[in-house]
C-alpha atoms as a PDB file:
ATOM      1  CA  UNK A   1       0.688  12.980 -21.412  1.00  0.00           C
ATOM      2  CA  UNK A   2      -0.670   9.776 -19.841  1.00  0.00           C
ATOM      3  CA  UNK A   3       0.058   8.673 -16.290  1.00  0.00           C
ATOM      4  CA  UNK A   4      -0.549   5.052 -17.229  1.00  0.00           C
ATOM      5  CA  UNK A   5       2.198   2.702 -16.093  1.00  0.00           C
ATOM      6  CA  UNK A   6       2.555  -0.563 -17.974  1.00  0.00           C
ATOM      7  CA  UNK A   7       0.070  -2.066 -20.428  1.00  0.00           C
ATOM      8  CA  UNK A   8      -3.431  -0.695 -20.771  1.00  0.00           C
ATOM      9  CA  UNK A   9      -6.481  -2.766 -19.830  1.00  0.00           C
ATOM     10  CA  UNK A  10      -9.495  -3.055 -22.121  1.00  0.00           C
ATOM     11  CA  UNK A  11     -11.993  -0.318 -21.250  1.00  0.00           C
ATOM     12  CA  UNK A  12     -14.730  -2.668 -20.037  1.00  0.00           C
ATOM     13  CA  UNK A  13     -12.421  -4.411 -17.550  1.00  0.00           C
ATOM     14  CA  UNK A  14     -10.842  -1.145 -16.419  1.00  0.00           C
ATOM     15  CA  UNK A  15     -14.286   0.441 -15.868  1.00  0.00           C
ATOM     16  CA  UNK A  16     -15.440  -2.547 -13.775  1.00  0.00           C
ATOM     17  CA  UNK A  17     -12.259  -2.417 -11.695  1.00  0.00           C
ATOM     18  CA  UNK A  18     -12.675   1.339 -11.120  1.00  0.00           C
ATOM     19  CA  UNK A  19     -16.292   0.839 -10.034  1.00  0.00           C
ATOM     20  CA  UNK A  20     -15.302  -1.949  -7.625  1.00  0.00           C
ATOM     21  CA  UNK A  21     -12.397   0.102  -6.314  1.00  0.00           C
ATOM     22  CA  UNK A  22     -14.703   3.024  -5.560  1.00  0.00           C
ATOM     23  CA  UNK A  23     -17.207   0.677  -3.916  1.00  0.00           C
ATOM     24  CA  UNK A  24     -14.406  -0.703  -1.735  1.00  0.00           C
ATOM     25  CA  UNK A  25     -13.306   2.824  -0.839  1.00  0.00           C
ATOM     26  CA  UNK A  26     -16.834   3.712   0.249  1.00  0.00           C
ATOM     27  CA  UNK A  27     -17.037   0.571   2.388  1.00  0.00           C
ATOM     28  CA  UNK A  28     -13.650   1.322   3.954  1.00  0.00           C
ATOM     29  CA  UNK A  29     -14.776   4.893   4.703  1.00  0.00           C
ATOM     30  CA  UNK A  30     -17.699   3.342   6.597  1.00  0.00           C
ATOM     31  CA  UNK A  31     -15.278   1.056   8.531  1.00  0.00           C
ATOM     32  CA  UNK A  32     -16.613  -1.978   6.661  1.00  0.00           C
ATOM     33  CA  UNK A  33     -13.071  -3.278   6.207  1.00  0.00           C
ATOM     34  CA  UNK A  34     -13.819  -6.957   5.552  1.00  0.00           C
ATOM     35  CA  UNK A  35     -16.383  -6.085   2.922  1.00  0.00           C
ATOM     36  CA  UNK A  36     -14.037  -3.538   1.328  1.00  0.00           C
ATOM     37  CA  UNK A  37     -11.270  -6.127   1.126  1.00  0.00           C
ATOM     38  CA  UNK A  38     -13.631  -8.646  -0.455  1.00  0.00           C
ATOM     39  CA  UNK A  39     -14.647  -6.119  -3.125  1.00  0.00           C
ATOM     40  CA  UNK A  40     -11.015  -5.253  -3.918  1.00  0.00           C
ATOM     41  CA  UNK A  41     -10.084  -8.944  -4.009  1.00  0.00           C
ATOM     42  CA  UNK A  42     -12.899  -9.445  -6.496  1.00  0.00           C
ATOM     43  CA  UNK A  43     -11.502  -6.638  -8.632  1.00  0.00           C
ATOM     44  CA  UNK A  44      -8.112  -8.351  -8.630  1.00  0.00           C
ATOM     45  CA  UNK A  45      -9.692 -11.452 -10.178  1.00  0.00           C
ATOM     46  CA  UNK A  46     -10.699  -9.380 -13.213  1.00  0.00           C
ATOM     47  CA  UNK A  47      -7.079  -8.693 -14.137  1.00  0.00           C
ATOM     48  CA  UNK A  48      -5.738 -10.818 -16.988  1.00  0.00           C
ATOM     49  CA  UNK A  49      -2.767 -13.031 -16.126  1.00  0.00           C
ATOM     50  CA  UNK A  50      -0.163 -12.262 -15.151  1.00  0.00           C
ATOM     51  CA  UNK A  51      -2.105  -9.899 -12.875  1.00  0.00           C
ATOM     52  CA  UNK A  52       1.069  -8.344 -11.476  1.00  0.00           C
ATOM     53  CA  UNK A  53       1.673  -6.558 -14.803  1.00  0.00           C
ATOM     54  CA  UNK A  54      -1.406  -4.350 -14.534  1.00  0.00           C
ATOM     55  CA  UNK A  55      -1.458  -0.985 -12.764  1.00  0.00           C
ATOM     56  CA  UNK A  56      -4.635  -1.701 -10.724  1.00  0.00           C
ATOM     57  CA  UNK A  57      -2.775  -4.644  -9.146  1.00  0.00           C
ATOM     58  CA  UNK A  58      -0.602  -2.126  -7.292  1.00  0.00           C
ATOM     59  CA  UNK A  59      -3.309   0.077  -5.881  1.00  0.00           C
ATOM     60  CA  UNK A  60      -5.753  -2.728  -5.140  1.00  0.00           C
ATOM     61  CA  UNK A  61      -3.127  -4.562  -3.072  1.00  0.00           C
ATOM     62  CA  UNK A  62      -2.165  -1.284  -1.373  1.00  0.00           C
ATOM     63  CA  UNK A  63      -5.815  -0.737  -0.448  1.00  0.00           C
ATOM     64  CA  UNK A  64      -6.079  -4.273   0.913  1.00  0.00           C
ATOM     65  CA  UNK A  65      -2.890  -3.712   2.896  1.00  0.00           C
ATOM     66  CA  UNK A  66      -4.334  -0.534   4.370  1.00  0.00           C
ATOM     67  CA  UNK A  67      -7.498  -2.177   5.690  1.00  0.00           C
ATOM     68  CA  UNK A  68      -5.520  -5.135   6.986  1.00  0.00           C
ATOM     69  CA  UNK A  69      -3.238  -2.706   8.827  1.00  0.00           C
ATOM     70  CA  UNK A  70      -6.261  -0.898  10.266  1.00  0.00           C
ATOM     71  CA  UNK A  71      -7.645  -4.203  11.577  1.00  0.00           C
ATOM     72  CA  UNK A  72      -4.304  -5.223  13.128  1.00  0.00           C
ATOM     73  CA  UNK A  73      -3.756  -8.040  10.625  1.00  0.00           C
ATOM     74  CA  UNK A  74      -0.023  -7.402  10.623  1.00  0.00           C
ATOM     75  CA  UNK A  75       0.980 -10.457   8.620  1.00  0.00           C
ATOM     76  CA  UNK A  76      -1.777  -9.863   6.085  1.00  0.00           C
ATOM     77  CA  UNK A  77      -0.892  -6.183   5.734  1.00  0.00           C
ATOM     78  CA  UNK A  78       2.771  -7.005   5.239  1.00  0.00           C
ATOM     79  CA  UNK A  79       1.920  -9.555   2.547  1.00  0.00           C
ATOM     80  CA  UNK A  80      -0.415  -7.126   0.774  1.00  0.00           C
ATOM     81  CA  UNK A  81       2.121  -4.280   0.757  1.00  0.00           C
ATOM     82  CA  UNK A  82       4.833  -6.590  -0.574  1.00  0.00           C
ATOM     83  CA  UNK A  83       2.406  -7.575  -3.345  1.00  0.00           C
ATOM     84  CA  UNK A  84       1.759  -3.884  -4.069  1.00  0.00           C
ATOM     85  CA  UNK A  85       5.504  -3.221  -4.323  1.00  0.00           C
ATOM     86  CA  UNK A  86       5.740  -5.847  -7.066  1.00  0.00           C
ATOM     87  CA  UNK A  87       3.154  -4.154  -9.271  1.00  0.00           C
ATOM     88  CA  UNK A  88       3.720  -1.325 -11.750  1.00  0.00           C
ATOM     89  CA  UNK A  89       4.896   1.801  -9.959  1.00  0.00           C
ATOM     90  CA  UNK A  90       4.981   0.078  -6.593  1.00  0.00           C
ATOM     91  CA  UNK A  91       8.691   0.515  -5.920  1.00  0.00           C
ATOM     92  CA  UNK A  92       8.426   4.250  -6.646  1.00  0.00           C
ATOM     93  CA  UNK A  93       5.418   4.728  -4.352  1.00  0.00           C
ATOM     94  CA  UNK A  94       6.486   6.224  -0.997  1.00  0.00           C
ATOM     95  CA  UNK A  95       3.153   5.495   0.682  1.00  0.00           C
ATOM     96  CA  UNK A  96       3.487   1.753   0.010  1.00  0.00           C
ATOM     97  CA  UNK A  97       6.993   1.726   1.523  1.00  0.00           C
ATOM     98  CA  UNK A  98       5.757   3.751   4.493  1.00  0.00           C
ATOM     99  CA  UNK A  99       2.831   1.463   5.195  1.00  0.00           C
ATOM    100  CA  UNK A 100       4.979  -1.639   4.697  1.00  0.00           C
ATOM    101  CA  UNK A 101       7.433  -0.173   7.200  1.00  0.00           C
ATOM    102  CA  UNK A 102       4.639   0.482   9.701  1.00  0.00           C
ATOM    103  CA  UNK A 103       3.344  -3.066   9.208  1.00  0.00           C
ATOM    104  CA  UNK A 104       6.803  -4.485   9.822  1.00  0.00           C
ATOM    105  CA  UNK A 105       7.139  -2.373  12.988  1.00  0.00           C
ATOM    106  CA  UNK A 106       3.836  -3.842  14.196  1.00  0.00           C
ATOM    107  CA  UNK A 107       5.248  -7.308  13.486  1.00  0.00           C
ATOM    108  CA  UNK A 108       8.302  -6.534  15.675  1.00  0.00           C
ATOM    109  CA  UNK A 109      10.583  -6.510  12.648  1.00  0.00           C
ATOM    110  CA  UNK A 110      12.028  -3.041  13.246  1.00  0.00           C
ATOM    111  CA  UNK A 111      15.304  -3.938  11.520  1.00  0.00           C
ATOM    112  CA  UNK A 112      13.514  -4.669   8.225  1.00  0.00           C
ATOM    113  CA  UNK A 113      11.012  -1.888   8.872  1.00  0.00           C
ATOM    114  CA  UNK A 114      13.783   0.705   8.986  1.00  0.00           C
ATOM    115  CA  UNK A 115      14.774  -0.185   5.408  1.00  0.00           C
ATOM    116  CA  UNK A 116      11.244   0.409   4.126  1.00  0.00           C
ATOM    117  CA  UNK A 117      10.777   3.529   6.216  1.00  0.00           C
ATOM    118  CA  UNK A 118      14.035   4.959   4.863  1.00  0.00           C
ATOM    119  CA  UNK A 119      12.868   4.299   1.301  1.00  0.00           C
ATOM    120  CA  UNK A 120       9.634   6.122   2.105  1.00  0.00           C
ATOM    121  CA  UNK A 121      11.513   8.982   3.749  1.00  0.00           C
ATOM    122  CA  UNK A 122      13.825   9.391   0.772  1.00  0.00           C
ATOM    123  CA  UNK A 123      10.862   9.461  -1.622  1.00  0.00           C
ATOM    124  CA  UNK A 124       8.579  11.724   0.462  1.00  0.00           C
ATOM    125  CA  UNK A 125       9.442  12.726   4.021  1.00  0.00           C
ATOM    126  CA  UNK A 126       6.106  14.559   4.331  1.00  0.00           C
ATOM    127  CA  UNK A 127       4.433  11.200   4.948  1.00  0.00           C
ATOM    128  CA  UNK A 128       6.058  11.116   8.383  1.00  0.00           C
ATOM    129  CA  UNK A 129       5.151  14.701   9.237  1.00  0.00           C
ATOM    130  CA  UNK A 130       1.555  14.295   8.065  1.00  0.00           C
ATOM    131  CA  UNK A 131       0.952  11.123  10.091  1.00  0.00           C
ATOM    132  CA  UNK A 132      -0.164  12.603  13.408  1.00  0.00           C
ATOM    133  CA  UNK A 133      -0.692   9.190  14.985  1.00  0.00           C
ATOM    134  CA  UNK A 134       2.560   7.391  14.165  1.00  0.00           C
ATOM    135  CA  UNK A 135       4.869   9.657  12.175  1.00  0.00           C
ATOM    136  CA  UNK A 136       7.134  10.639  15.062  1.00  0.00           C
ATOM    137  CA  UNK A 137       7.417   7.029  16.209  1.00  0.00           C
ATOM    138  CA  UNK A 138       8.446   5.982  12.682  1.00  0.00           C
ATOM    139  CA  UNK A 139      11.052   8.784  12.575  1.00  0.00           C
ATOM    140  CA  UNK A 140      12.409   7.551  15.921  1.00  0.00           C
ATOM    141  CA  UNK A 141      12.806   4.068  14.459  1.00  0.00           C
ATOM    142  CA  UNK A 142      14.846   5.560  11.637  1.00  0.00           C
ATOM    143  CA  UNK A 143      16.999   7.555  14.047  1.00  0.00           C
ATOM    144  CA  UNK A 144      17.494   4.498  16.265  1.00  0.00           C
ATOM    145  CA  UNK A 145      18.669   2.600  13.180  1.00  0.00           C
ATOM    146  CA  UNK A 146      21.348   5.245  12.643  1.00  0.00           C
ATOM    147  CA  UNK A 147      19.644   7.409  10.028  1.00  0.00           C
ATOM    148  CA  UNK A 148      20.587  11.079   9.948  1.00  0.00           C
ATOM    149  CA  UNK A 149      17.424  12.936   9.053  1.00  0.00           C
ATOM    150  CA  UNK A 150      18.219  16.489   8.029  1.00  0.00           C
END
């Protein structure tokens, strides 16, 4: 059984995108966030139009959102996570909702953030418990918004 969501890319394009994605991951692991983002953005340009229909669109934008979040580019992170939500499998991905919620909290948009955090919580509440740095704060935002977390 395949885990592929949406149409399948030609092998040569997919292989180049995978290689660039891994290169970006290595750069991000070395805290080379700007360079990682540039590599992932380059991988996005390889996607045939409309790019939003291809699975790598989702995870490349999620990766870009992550490094933007790590560099306190709140507006850029929010934009990237919204882009990731629009790609194949994005709406079902709890991590994208969680990170979008965190980005919205950082942008002082707690009202909108609570919606995304609740989506993440409903899909996978472990994200909150595994985030030692901010998980409890995100749960508090949900509680403050009236969520009953059992």
